[in-house]
N, C-alpha and C. Protein backbone atom coordinates (compact mmCIF):
# COMPACT_ATOMS: atom_id res chain seq x y z
N MET A 1 0.82 -1.19 0.00
CA MET A 1 0.00 0.00 0.00
C MET A 1 0.86 1.26 0.00
N ASP A 2 1.91 1.25 0.81
CA ASP A 2 2.79 2.42 0.87
C ASP A 2 3.53 2.64 -0.45
N ALA A 3 3.84 1.57 -1.15
CA ALA A 3 4.53 1.69 -2.44
C ALA A 3 3.62 2.35 -3.47
N ASP A 4 2.32 2.04 -3.41
CA ASP A 4 1.37 2.69 -4.33
C ASP A 4 1.28 4.18 -4.08
N VAL A 5 1.29 4.58 -2.83
CA VAL A 5 1.21 6.01 -2.48
C VAL A 5 2.46 6.73 -2.96
N VAL A 6 3.62 6.11 -2.78
CA VAL A 6 4.88 6.72 -3.21
C VAL A 6 4.90 6.86 -4.73
N LEU A 7 4.42 5.84 -5.46
CA LEU A 7 4.38 5.91 -6.92
C LEU A 7 3.42 6.99 -7.39
N GLN A 8 2.28 7.14 -6.73
CA GLN A 8 1.33 8.19 -7.10
C GLN A 8 1.91 9.57 -6.85
N GLU A 9 2.64 9.73 -5.74
CA GLU A 9 3.27 11.01 -5.45
C GLU A 9 4.34 11.35 -6.48
N GLU A 10 5.11 10.35 -6.91
CA GLU A 10 6.13 10.58 -7.93
C GLU A 10 5.50 10.95 -9.26
N ASP A 11 4.37 10.29 -9.60
CA ASP A 11 3.66 10.63 -10.84
C ASP A 11 3.15 12.06 -10.79
N MET A 12 2.60 12.47 -9.65
CA MET A 12 2.10 13.84 -9.51
C MET A 12 3.24 14.85 -9.60
N GLU A 13 4.37 14.51 -8.99
CA GLU A 13 5.52 15.40 -9.04
C GLU A 13 6.04 15.55 -10.46
N GLY A 14 6.07 14.46 -11.22
CA GLY A 14 6.49 14.50 -12.62
C GLY A 14 5.52 15.30 -13.46
N SER A 15 4.23 15.17 -13.16
CA SER A 15 3.22 15.94 -13.90
C SER A 15 3.38 17.42 -13.64
N TRP A 16 3.64 17.80 -12.38
CA TRP A 16 3.81 19.21 -12.06
C TRP A 16 5.06 19.77 -12.71
N THR A 17 6.11 18.97 -12.78
CA THR A 17 7.34 19.41 -13.43
C THR A 17 7.10 19.64 -14.92
N LEU A 18 6.37 18.72 -15.56
CA LEU A 18 6.06 18.87 -16.97
C LEU A 18 5.18 20.09 -17.22
N LEU A 19 4.20 20.30 -16.36
CA LEU A 19 3.32 21.46 -16.48
C LEU A 19 4.11 22.75 -16.27
N SER A 20 5.03 22.74 -15.33
CA SER A 20 5.86 23.92 -15.07
C SER A 20 6.76 24.24 -16.27
N LEU A 21 7.36 23.23 -16.86
CA LEU A 21 8.19 23.45 -18.05
C LEU A 21 7.37 23.96 -19.22
N PHE A 22 6.18 23.41 -19.40
CA PHE A 22 5.31 23.84 -20.49
C PHE A 22 4.87 25.29 -20.30
N SER A 23 4.52 25.66 -19.08
CA SER A 23 4.10 27.05 -18.83
C SER A 23 5.27 28.01 -18.97
N SER A 24 6.46 27.60 -18.58
CA SER A 24 7.64 28.44 -18.78
C SER A 24 7.92 28.64 -20.26
N PHE A 25 7.78 27.59 -21.04
CA PHE A 25 7.97 27.67 -22.48
C PHE A 25 6.96 28.64 -23.09
N LEU A 26 5.71 28.57 -22.66
CA LEU A 26 4.69 29.49 -23.16
C LEU A 26 4.97 30.93 -22.76
N MET A 27 5.49 31.12 -21.55
CA MET A 27 5.82 32.48 -21.11
C MET A 27 6.96 33.07 -21.94
N VAL A 28 7.94 32.25 -22.27
CA VAL A 28 9.10 32.75 -23.01
C VAL A 28 8.71 33.11 -24.44
N PHE A 29 7.97 32.25 -25.12
CA PHE A 29 7.68 32.46 -26.53
C PHE A 29 6.29 33.03 -26.80
N GLY A 30 5.44 33.07 -25.81
CA GLY A 30 4.07 33.55 -26.01
C GLY A 30 3.98 35.01 -26.41
N GLY A 31 4.88 35.83 -25.92
CA GLY A 31 4.86 37.25 -26.26
C GLY A 31 5.27 37.53 -27.69
N ALA A 32 6.07 36.65 -28.26
CA ALA A 32 6.56 36.86 -29.62
C ALA A 32 5.66 36.22 -30.68
N LEU A 33 4.82 35.30 -30.29
CA LEU A 33 3.97 34.59 -31.25
C LEU A 33 3.05 35.51 -32.06
N PRO A 34 2.42 36.54 -31.47
CA PRO A 34 1.54 37.38 -32.29
C PRO A 34 2.25 38.15 -33.39
N TYR A 35 3.56 38.29 -33.29
CA TYR A 35 4.29 39.04 -34.30
C TYR A 35 4.60 38.21 -35.55
N ILE A 36 4.44 36.90 -35.48
CA ILE A 36 4.73 36.05 -36.63
C ILE A 36 3.77 36.33 -37.79
N PRO A 37 2.44 36.34 -37.57
CA PRO A 37 1.56 36.67 -38.70
C PRO A 37 1.73 38.11 -39.19
N GLN A 38 2.04 39.01 -38.27
CA GLN A 38 2.25 40.40 -38.67
C GLN A 38 3.50 40.52 -39.52
N TYR A 39 4.55 39.82 -39.16
CA TYR A 39 5.78 39.80 -39.95
C TYR A 39 5.50 39.27 -41.35
N GLN A 40 4.74 38.16 -41.43
CA GLN A 40 4.43 37.56 -42.72
C GLN A 40 3.57 38.49 -43.57
N GLU A 41 2.64 39.18 -42.93
CA GLU A 41 1.78 40.11 -43.67
C GLU A 41 2.57 41.28 -44.23
N ILE A 42 3.45 41.85 -43.41
CA ILE A 42 4.27 42.98 -43.87
C ILE A 42 5.21 42.52 -44.99
N GLN A 43 5.77 41.35 -44.82
CA GLN A 43 6.69 40.84 -45.83
C GLN A 43 5.97 40.55 -47.15
N GLY A 44 4.75 40.02 -47.06
CA GLY A 44 4.01 39.69 -48.26
C GLY A 44 3.47 40.90 -48.99
N SER A 45 3.01 41.90 -48.24
CA SER A 45 2.39 43.06 -48.87
C SER A 45 3.37 44.20 -49.11
N SER A 46 4.53 44.15 -48.53
CA SER A 46 5.52 45.24 -48.59
C SER A 46 4.91 46.57 -48.17
N ASN A 47 4.07 46.50 -47.13
CA ASN A 47 3.40 47.69 -46.62
C ASN A 47 3.43 47.64 -45.10
N THR A 48 4.01 48.66 -44.49
CA THR A 48 4.11 48.70 -43.03
C THR A 48 3.03 49.57 -42.40
N GLU A 49 2.04 49.96 -43.20
CA GLU A 49 0.97 50.80 -42.69
C GLU A 49 0.22 50.06 -41.58
N GLY A 50 0.01 50.74 -40.47
CA GLY A 50 -0.69 50.15 -39.35
C GLY A 50 0.25 49.55 -38.31
N PHE A 51 1.53 49.45 -38.62
CA PHE A 51 2.50 48.92 -37.65
C PHE A 51 3.27 50.08 -37.07
N SER A 52 3.30 50.16 -35.75
CA SER A 52 3.96 51.26 -35.08
C SER A 52 5.37 50.86 -34.63
N THR A 53 6.34 51.57 -35.15
CA THR A 53 7.71 51.32 -34.71
C THR A 53 7.94 51.88 -33.31
N ARG A 54 7.08 52.77 -32.87
CA ARG A 54 7.20 53.31 -31.51
C ARG A 54 6.89 52.24 -30.47
N VAL A 55 5.97 51.35 -30.79
CA VAL A 55 5.69 50.23 -29.89
C VAL A 55 6.93 49.35 -29.77
N CYS A 56 7.61 49.13 -30.88
CA CYS A 56 8.86 48.36 -30.86
C CYS A 56 9.89 49.04 -29.96
N LEU A 57 9.98 50.36 -30.07
CA LEU A 57 10.92 51.11 -29.24
C LEU A 57 10.60 50.94 -27.76
N VAL A 58 9.34 51.08 -27.40
CA VAL A 58 8.94 50.94 -26.00
C VAL A 58 9.22 49.54 -25.49
N LEU A 59 8.91 48.52 -26.29
CA LEU A 59 9.17 47.14 -25.87
C LEU A 59 10.67 46.85 -25.77
N LEU A 60 11.45 47.41 -26.68
CA LEU A 60 12.90 47.24 -26.58
C LEU A 60 13.45 47.85 -25.29
N ILE A 61 13.03 49.07 -24.99
CA ILE A 61 13.50 49.73 -23.77
C ILE A 61 13.07 48.95 -22.54
N ALA A 62 11.82 48.51 -22.50
CA ALA A 62 11.32 47.77 -21.34
C ALA A 62 12.08 46.47 -21.13
N ASN A 63 12.35 45.75 -22.20
CA ASN A 63 13.05 44.47 -22.06
C ASN A 63 14.53 44.65 -21.76
N ILE A 64 15.13 45.70 -22.28
CA ILE A 64 16.53 45.99 -21.93
C ILE A 64 16.63 46.37 -20.46
N LEU A 65 15.69 47.17 -19.98
CA LEU A 65 15.68 47.52 -18.56
C LEU A 65 15.47 46.29 -17.69
N ARG A 66 14.63 45.36 -18.13
CA ARG A 66 14.42 44.14 -17.35
C ARG A 66 15.71 43.34 -17.25
N ILE A 67 16.50 43.31 -18.32
CA ILE A 67 17.79 42.60 -18.28
C ILE A 67 18.74 43.31 -17.32
N PHE A 68 18.74 44.65 -17.34
CA PHE A 68 19.59 45.38 -16.39
C PHE A 68 19.17 45.11 -14.95
N PHE A 69 17.88 45.04 -14.69
CA PHE A 69 17.41 44.70 -13.35
C PHE A 69 17.83 43.29 -12.97
N TRP A 70 17.81 42.36 -13.93
CA TRP A 70 18.22 40.99 -13.64
C TRP A 70 19.69 40.94 -13.25
N ILE A 71 20.51 41.79 -13.88
CA ILE A 71 21.93 41.84 -13.52
C ILE A 71 22.08 42.30 -12.08
N GLY A 72 21.28 43.30 -11.68
CA GLY A 72 21.35 43.81 -10.31
C GLY A 72 20.81 42.84 -9.27
N LYS A 73 19.65 42.28 -9.52
CA LYS A 73 19.04 41.33 -8.60
C LYS A 73 18.38 40.24 -9.44
N GLN A 74 18.96 39.06 -9.39
CA GLN A 74 18.50 37.99 -10.26
C GLN A 74 17.12 37.49 -9.84
N PHE A 75 16.24 37.34 -10.84
CA PHE A 75 14.92 36.79 -10.64
C PHE A 75 14.79 35.58 -11.55
N GLU A 76 13.57 35.15 -11.82
CA GLU A 76 13.35 33.93 -12.60
C GLU A 76 14.03 33.98 -13.96
N LEU A 77 14.64 32.88 -14.31
CA LEU A 77 15.33 32.75 -15.59
C LEU A 77 14.34 32.82 -16.76
N THR A 78 13.12 32.38 -16.52
CA THR A 78 12.09 32.42 -17.56
C THR A 78 11.85 33.85 -18.05
N LEU A 79 11.79 34.80 -17.12
CA LEU A 79 11.56 36.20 -17.48
C LEU A 79 12.75 36.79 -18.23
N LEU A 80 13.94 36.36 -17.86
CA LEU A 80 15.14 36.82 -18.58
C LEU A 80 15.11 36.31 -20.02
N LEU A 81 14.78 35.03 -20.20
CA LEU A 81 14.71 34.47 -21.54
C LEU A 81 13.60 35.13 -22.35
N GLN A 82 12.49 35.45 -21.70
CA GLN A 82 11.41 36.15 -22.38
C GLN A 82 11.88 37.51 -22.90
N SER A 83 12.67 38.21 -22.11
CA SER A 83 13.20 39.51 -22.54
C SER A 83 14.11 39.36 -23.75
N VAL A 84 14.96 38.36 -23.73
CA VAL A 84 15.87 38.13 -24.85
C VAL A 84 15.10 37.81 -26.12
N VAL A 85 14.09 36.94 -26.01
CA VAL A 85 13.28 36.58 -27.18
C VAL A 85 12.53 37.81 -27.70
N MET A 86 11.99 38.62 -26.81
CA MET A 86 11.25 39.82 -27.26
C MET A 86 12.18 40.84 -27.91
N ILE A 87 13.39 40.99 -27.39
CA ILE A 87 14.35 41.90 -28.01
C ILE A 87 14.68 41.43 -29.42
N LEU A 88 14.93 40.13 -29.59
CA LEU A 88 15.22 39.59 -30.92
C LEU A 88 14.02 39.76 -31.86
N THR A 89 12.82 39.58 -31.32
CA THR A 89 11.62 39.74 -32.13
C THR A 89 11.46 41.19 -32.59
N MET A 90 11.66 42.13 -31.67
CA MET A 90 11.51 43.55 -32.03
C MET A 90 12.58 43.98 -33.02
N LEU A 91 13.80 43.47 -32.86
CA LEU A 91 14.85 43.80 -33.83
C LEU A 91 14.53 43.24 -35.21
N ALA A 92 13.95 42.04 -35.26
CA ALA A 92 13.55 41.46 -36.55
C ALA A 92 12.44 42.28 -37.19
N MET A 93 11.48 42.73 -36.38
CA MET A 93 10.38 43.54 -36.92
C MET A 93 10.91 44.89 -37.43
N LEU A 94 11.80 45.51 -36.67
CA LEU A 94 12.36 46.79 -37.10
C LEU A 94 13.20 46.63 -38.37
N HIS A 95 13.94 45.55 -38.45
CA HIS A 95 14.74 45.29 -39.65
C HIS A 95 13.83 45.15 -40.86
N LEU A 96 12.74 44.41 -40.71
CA LEU A 96 11.80 44.25 -41.81
C LEU A 96 11.18 45.59 -42.20
N CYS A 97 10.80 46.40 -41.21
CA CYS A 97 10.20 47.71 -41.51
C CYS A 97 11.18 48.61 -42.25
N CYS A 98 12.43 48.63 -41.81
CA CYS A 98 13.44 49.46 -42.48
C CYS A 98 13.70 48.97 -43.90
N THR A 99 13.73 47.67 -44.09
CA THR A 99 13.93 47.11 -45.43
C THR A 99 12.77 47.47 -46.35
N VAL A 100 11.55 47.35 -45.85
CA VAL A 100 10.38 47.67 -46.67
C VAL A 100 10.34 49.16 -46.97
N HIS A 101 10.65 50.00 -45.99
CA HIS A 101 10.66 51.45 -46.22
C HIS A 101 11.70 51.84 -47.26
N SER A 102 12.89 51.27 -47.16
CA SER A 102 13.93 51.64 -48.13
C SER A 102 13.60 51.12 -49.51
N THR A 103 13.00 49.96 -49.61
CA THR A 103 12.60 49.41 -50.91
C THR A 103 11.51 50.28 -51.53
N ASN A 104 10.54 50.67 -50.73
CA ASN A 104 9.45 51.52 -51.23
C ASN A 104 9.97 52.89 -51.64
N ARG A 105 10.92 53.43 -50.89
CA ARG A 105 11.46 54.75 -51.19
C ARG A 105 12.23 54.73 -52.51
N VAL A 106 13.00 53.68 -52.72
CA VAL A 106 13.78 53.59 -53.95
C VAL A 106 12.86 53.37 -55.15
N SER A 107 11.83 52.57 -54.99
CA SER A 107 10.95 52.25 -56.14
C SER A 107 10.06 53.41 -56.51
N THR A 108 9.74 54.31 -55.58
CA THR A 108 8.86 55.43 -55.90
C THR A 108 9.62 56.69 -56.28
N LYS A 109 10.91 56.70 -56.09
CA LYS A 109 11.70 57.89 -56.42
C LYS A 109 11.85 57.99 -57.93
N GLN A 110 11.68 59.19 -58.45
CA GLN A 110 11.83 59.41 -59.88
C GLN A 110 13.29 59.74 -60.17
N HIS A 111 13.81 59.06 -61.15
CA HIS A 111 15.18 59.32 -61.56
C HIS A 111 15.16 60.17 -62.82
N ARG A 112 15.88 61.26 -62.79
CA ARG A 112 15.94 62.15 -63.96
C ARG A 112 17.38 62.30 -64.41
N LEU A 113 17.54 62.26 -65.67
CA LEU A 113 18.85 62.50 -66.25
C LEU A 113 18.86 63.89 -66.86
N THR A 114 19.81 64.69 -66.49
CA THR A 114 19.90 66.04 -67.05
C THR A 114 21.18 66.21 -67.82
């Protein structure tokens, strides 16, 4: 009887560990997931209308500050990884926006030979 109780406790502990890892994974990558369809839409249409680069700036500053706070007083590693993923996501979005803007600017500019 005692062996059954110990096995059930170990199964519950393993389940909680798996649930904890899954929730940590969702926390790390969940913030960046909504940007995937937006990235694909901007890339497909070559139009950044409706996307605010100021939001990217605010998120970059917030996540950089969170990393600086982690250096001062370490907190959960999950939140640190989330900041790194969000910084990489925002840099990718800004890179795409700059590429699309420069492509649109070059294609709409009139070239004159005098």
